[in-house]
Protein backbone atom coordinates (compact mmCIF):
# COMPACT_ATOMS: atom_id res chain seq x y z
CA MET A 1 -0.14 -0.05 0.23
CA MET A 2 1.60 3.34 -1.02
CA ARG A 3 1.20 6.24 1.64
CA PRO A 4 0.10 9.61 0.13
CA LYS A 5 2.61 12.12 -0.15
CA LEU A 6 2.04 15.31 2.06
CA SER A 7 2.65 18.77 0.68
CA PRO A 8 5.26 21.05 2.12
CA LEU A 9 4.08 22.86 4.96
CA ARG A 10 3.53 26.93 3.74
CA LEU A 11 3.91 29.42 6.61
CA ASN A 12 2.88 32.85 6.24
CA SER A 13 5.70 35.78 5.85
CA LEU A 14 6.38 37.07 9.44
CA HIS A 15 5.69 40.81 9.66
CA SER A 16 6.94 43.14 12.58
CA SER A 17 7.68 46.73 13.39
CA SER A 18 9.39 48.64 15.90
CA GLU A 19 9.54 52.03 17.43
CA TRP A 20 12.37 54.17 19.24
CA PHE A 21 10.98 55.99 22.32
CA GLU A 22 12.99 58.63 23.80
CA GLU A 23 14.38 57.99 27.22
CA PRO A 24 12.38 59.83 29.76
CA ASN A 25 13.96 62.37 31.81
CA LEU A 26 14.36 61.45 35.78
CA LEU A 27 14.10 64.06 38.55
CA PHE A 28 17.43 63.79 40.95
CA ALA A 29 17.95 65.97 44.01
CA ASN A 30 17.43 69.97 43.54
CA ASP A 31 15.14 69.26 40.52
CA MET A 32 18.03 68.16 38.52
CA VAL A 33 17.01 66.15 35.26
CA HIS A 34 18.88 63.24 33.45
CA CYS A 35 17.46 60.30 31.49
CA ASP A 36 20.20 57.88 32.87
CA PRO A 37 20.25 57.15 36.70
CA LYS A 38 23.70 55.86 36.53
CA VAL A 39 24.55 59.60 35.60
CA GLY A 40 22.19 61.30 37.40
CA ILE A 41 22.70 59.95 40.93
CA PRO A 42 26.31 60.24 41.23
CA LEU A 43 26.11 63.88 39.63
CA TYR A 44 23.03 64.95 41.70
CA GLY A 45 22.08 62.78 44.39
CA PRO A 46 18.97 61.01 44.71
CA ARG A 47 15.59 62.75 44.39
CA SER A 48 15.11 62.54 48.16
CA LEU A 49 18.54 64.00 48.92
CA GLY A 50 17.92 67.07 51.65
CA SER A 51 14.40 66.30 52.31
CA ALA A 52 12.52 64.74 55.25
CA ARG A 53 12.09 61.52 52.98
CA HIS A 54 15.69 60.94 52.47
CA LYS A 55 16.79 57.91 54.72
CA GLN A 56 20.23 58.52 56.57
CA GLU A 57 20.75 54.75 56.69
CA VAL A 58 20.17 51.47 54.93
CA HIS A 59 19.00 48.13 56.33
CA ILE A 60 20.10 44.96 54.74
CA GLY A 61 19.88 41.49 55.55
CA PHE A 62 21.72 38.25 54.46
CA LEU A 63 20.23 34.78 54.15
CA GLY A 64 22.56 31.68 53.81
CA THR A 65 25.16 29.63 55.36
CA SER A 66 27.68 31.30 57.69
CA GLU A 67 30.46 31.35 54.97
CA ALA A 68 28.16 32.78 52.58
CA VAL A 69 26.85 35.22 55.09
CA GLU A 70 30.55 36.54 55.74
CA HIS A 71 31.31 36.63 51.97
CA GLY A 72 28.20 38.83 51.45
CA LYS A 73 29.24 41.18 54.33
CA LYS A 74 32.83 41.53 53.10
CA PHE A 75 31.64 42.20 49.60
CA TYR A 76 28.77 45.14 50.81
CA GLU A 77 31.29 46.69 53.03
CA GLU A 78 33.75 47.18 50.10
CA CYS A 79 31.35 48.24 47.68
CA ALA A 80 29.91 50.51 50.27
CA CYS A 81 33.36 52.38 49.80
CA GLY A 82 32.66 52.57 46.15
CA VAL A 83 33.72 50.71 43.03
CA GLY A 84 35.74 52.38 40.19
CA GLY A 85 34.35 52.09 36.36
CA ASP A 86 36.04 51.20 33.33
CA ASN A 87 35.24 51.80 29.41
CA GLU A 88 32.36 49.87 29.66
CA HIS A 89 30.98 50.70 33.17
CA ALA A 90 30.27 54.03 35.01
CA PRO A 91 32.04 53.99 38.65
CA PHE A 92 29.64 53.60 41.74
CA PRO A 93 30.01 56.06 44.14
CA GLY A 94 29.43 53.99 47.25
CA CYS A 95 26.61 54.54 50.04
CA LYS A 96 28.86 55.28 53.19
């Protein structure tokens, strides 16, 4: 008995479109604006800076083995002093 031949599957062509949206301006301290938080925060500070809303401390917690918690604490303490940048990454000013 001969099996009937199947015709090849024909798919419709895909059509897509895209649109570029400009980055919105973000507000920082002293009503300064910039579209990139990695630039705006080091230059101007967070929006709450100088207001009653601005927190003076940050609470963090760690969850894991005692060894993992120690590594996390050490890493956080190093980053709190700031992290240098390079050609691809902006520096992080720290949070001490």
